[in-house]
Amino acid sequence: MNTVLYWAASFALVCFALGMVFATVRLLRGPTAQDRVLALDTLYINGMLTMLVFGIRTGSSLYFDIALLIALFGFVGSTAMARFLLRGEVIEP
């Protein structure tokens, strides 16, 4: 791997980890439920991007599949939380 790419990936991992720490703080301290949902969205996006950077760094395609699953479950979770906050129920009778 190129030295510049290695250091760029390392810097990106540090930035994503820092973003995850700030999102966790917002998740725990958020004054409203909307803030907590937004923090959860930020956490899953940063987790997905972390897996993508790991995949670039190691050259393994397994991390890309994991990132795809994180994105899929994160989207479904965000949609369910938005419906719950909007209507008070996730599945309509």
C-alpha atoms as a PDB file:
ATOM      1  CA  MET A   1       0.000   0.000   0.000  1.00  0.00           C
ATOM      2  CA  ASN A   2       1.155   3.476  -0.761  1.00  0.00           C
ATOM      3  CA  THR A   3       2.469   5.457   2.207  1.00  0.00           C
ATOM      4  CA  VAL A   4       0.226   8.433   1.486  1.00  0.00           C
ATOM      5  CA  LEU A   5      -2.835   6.189   1.249  1.00  0.00           C
ATOM      6  CA  TYR A   6      -1.910   4.492   4.515  1.00  0.00           C
ATOM      7  CA  TRP A   7      -1.623   7.797   6.390  1.00  0.00           C
ATOM      8  CA  ALA A   8      -4.789   9.167   4.765  1.00  0.00           C
ATOM      9  CA  ALA A   9      -6.703   6.061   5.848  1.00  0.00           C
ATOM     10  CA  SER A  10      -5.280   6.357   9.355  1.00  0.00           C
ATOM     11  CA  PHE A  11      -6.318  10.008   9.546  1.00  0.00           C
ATOM     12  CA  ALA A  12      -9.803   9.129   8.268  1.00  0.00           C
ATOM     13  CA  LEU A  13     -10.154   6.409  10.906  1.00  0.00           C
ATOM     14  CA  VAL A  14      -9.208   8.855  13.661  1.00  0.00           C
ATOM     15  CA  CYS A  15     -11.726  11.400  12.341  1.00  0.00           C
ATOM     16  CA  PHE A  16     -14.503   8.804  12.148  1.00  0.00           C
ATOM     17  CA  ALA A  17     -13.699   7.571  15.661  1.00  0.00           C
ATOM     18  CA  LEU A  18     -13.865  11.147  16.945  1.00  0.00           C
ATOM     19  CA  GLY A  19     -17.195  11.625  15.172  1.00  0.00           C
ATOM     20  CA  MET A  20     -18.503   8.450  16.779  1.00  0.00           C
ATOM     21  CA  VAL A  21     -17.479   9.705  20.217  1.00  0.00           C
ATOM     22  CA  PHE A  22     -19.312  12.992  19.683  1.00  0.00           C
ATOM     23  CA  ALA A  23     -22.385  11.171  18.346  1.00  0.00           C
ATOM     24  CA  THR A  24     -22.370   8.878  21.382  1.00  0.00           C
ATOM     25  CA  VAL A  25     -22.301  11.902  23.666  1.00  0.00           C
ATOM     26  CA  ARG A  26     -25.266  13.362  21.773  1.00  0.00           C
ATOM     27  CA  LEU A  27     -27.055  10.011  21.968  1.00  0.00           C
ATOM     28  CA  LEU A  28     -26.682   9.900  25.739  1.00  0.00           C
ATOM     29  CA  ARG A  29     -27.289  13.591  26.468  1.00  0.00           C
ATOM     30  CA  GLY A  30     -29.760  14.507  23.726  1.00  0.00           C
ATOM     31  CA  PRO A  31     -32.576  16.591  25.156  1.00  0.00           C
ATOM     32  CA  THR A  32     -35.145  15.293  22.661  1.00  0.00           C
ATOM     33  CA  ALA A  33     -35.841  12.002  20.944  1.00  0.00           C
ATOM     34  CA  GLN A  34     -35.104  13.591  17.561  1.00  0.00           C
ATOM     35  CA  ASP A  35     -31.579  14.427  18.704  1.00  0.00           C
ATOM     36  CA  ARG A  36     -31.064  10.823  19.747  1.00  0.00           C
ATOM     37  CA  VAL A  37     -32.316   9.496  16.404  1.00  0.00           C
ATOM     38  CA  LEU A  38     -29.998  11.861  14.553  1.00  0.00           C
ATOM     39  CA  ALA A  39     -27.091  10.742  16.739  1.00  0.00           C
ATOM     40  CA  LEU A  40     -27.930   7.115  16.000  1.00  0.00           C
ATOM     41  CA  ASP A  41     -27.948   7.891  12.266  1.00  0.00           C
ATOM     42  CA  THR A  42     -24.565   9.545  12.617  1.00  0.00           C
ATOM     43  CA  LEU A  43     -23.228   6.531  14.497  1.00  0.00           C
ATOM     44  CA  TYR A  44     -24.251   4.035  11.872  1.00  0.00           C
ATOM     45  CA  ILE A  45     -22.941   6.206   9.028  1.00  0.00           C
ATOM     46  CA  ASN A  46     -19.596   6.631  10.771  1.00  0.00           C
ATOM     47  CA  GLY A  47     -19.491   2.900  11.490  1.00  0.00           C
ATOM     48  CA  MET A  48     -20.170   2.154   7.843  1.00  0.00           C
ATOM     49  CA  LEU A  49     -17.460   4.558   6.698  1.00  0.00           C
ATOM     50  CA  THR A  50     -15.032   3.050   9.206  1.00  0.00           C
ATOM     51  CA  MET A  51     -15.633  -0.385   7.702  1.00  0.00           C
ATOM     52  CA  LEU A  52     -15.069   1.024   4.209  1.00  0.00           C
ATOM     53  CA  VAL A  53     -11.758   2.571   5.246  1.00  0.00           C
ATOM     54  CA  PHE A  54     -10.718  -0.716   6.894  1.00  0.00           C
ATOM     55  CA  GLY A  55     -11.541  -2.452   3.611  1.00  0.00           C
ATOM     56  CA  ILE A  56      -9.416  -0.015   1.633  1.00  0.00           C
ATOM     57  CA  ARG A  57      -6.586  -0.312   4.116  1.00  0.00           C
ATOM     58  CA  THR A  58      -6.509  -4.105   4.234  1.00  0.00           C
ATOM     59  CA  GLY A  59      -7.610  -4.806   0.657  1.00  0.00           C
ATOM     60  CA  SER A  60     -10.258  -7.252   1.860  1.00  0.00           C
ATOM     61  CA  SER A  61     -13.732  -7.265   0.322  1.00  0.00           C
ATOM     62  CA  LEU A  62     -15.279  -8.613   3.526  1.00  0.00           C
ATOM     63  CA  TYR A  63     -15.331  -5.135   5.053  1.00  0.00           C
ATOM     64  CA  PHE A  64     -17.334  -3.803   2.102  1.00  0.00           C
ATOM     65  CA  ASP A  65     -20.008  -6.453   2.676  1.00  0.00           C
ATOM     66  CA  ILE A  66     -20.128  -5.553   6.368  1.00  0.00           C
ATOM     67  CA  ALA A  67     -20.488  -1.858   5.472  1.00  0.00           C
ATOM     68  CA  LEU A  68     -23.383  -2.719   3.169  1.00  0.00           C
ATOM     69  CA  LEU A  69     -25.145  -4.598   5.972  1.00  0.00           C
ATOM     70  CA  ILE A  70     -24.588  -1.710   8.400  1.00  0.00           C
ATOM     71  CA  ALA A  71     -26.098   0.705   5.868  1.00  0.00           C
ATOM     72  CA  LEU A  72     -29.089  -1.564   5.276  1.00  0.00           C
ATOM     73  CA  PHE A  73     -29.860  -2.123   8.962  1.00  0.00           C
ATOM     74  CA  GLY A  74     -29.227   1.532   9.762  1.00  0.00           C
ATOM     75  CA  PHE A  75     -31.712   2.674   7.135  1.00  0.00           C
ATOM     76  CA  VAL A  76     -34.377   0.255   8.347  1.00  0.00           C
ATOM     77  CA  GLY A  77     -33.761   1.292  11.958  1.00  0.00           C
ATOM     78  CA  SER A  78     -33.956   4.988  11.121  1.00  0.00           C
ATOM     79  CA  THR A  79     -37.186   4.494   9.216  1.00  0.00           C
ATOM     80  CA  ALA A  80     -38.722   2.547  12.087  1.00  0.00           C
ATOM     81  CA  MET A  81     -37.673   5.183  14.626  1.00  0.00           C
ATOM     82  CA  ALA A  82     -39.069   7.986  12.457  1.00  0.00           C
ATOM     83  CA  ARG A  83     -42.394   6.179  12.100  1.00  0.00           C
ATOM     84  CA  PHE A  84     -42.523   5.548  15.819  1.00  0.00           C
ATOM     85  CA  LEU A  85     -41.844   9.188  16.658  1.00  0.00           C
ATOM     86  CA  LEU A  86     -44.332  10.385  14.073  1.00  0.00           C
ATOM     87  CA  ARG A  87     -47.240   7.996  14.725  1.00  0.00           C
ATOM     88  CA  GLY A  88     -46.457   6.242  17.980  1.00  0.00           C
ATOM     89  CA  GLU A  89     -46.397   2.796  16.375  1.00  0.00           C
ATOM     90  CA  VAL A  90     -44.093   1.040  13.969  1.00  0.00           C
ATOM     91  CA  ILE A  91     -46.437  -1.531  12.436  1.00  0.00           C
ATOM     92  CA  GLU A  92     -49.917  -0.391  11.527  1.00  0.00           C
ATOM     93  CA  PRO A  93     -52.742  -2.788  12.446  1.00  0.00           C
END
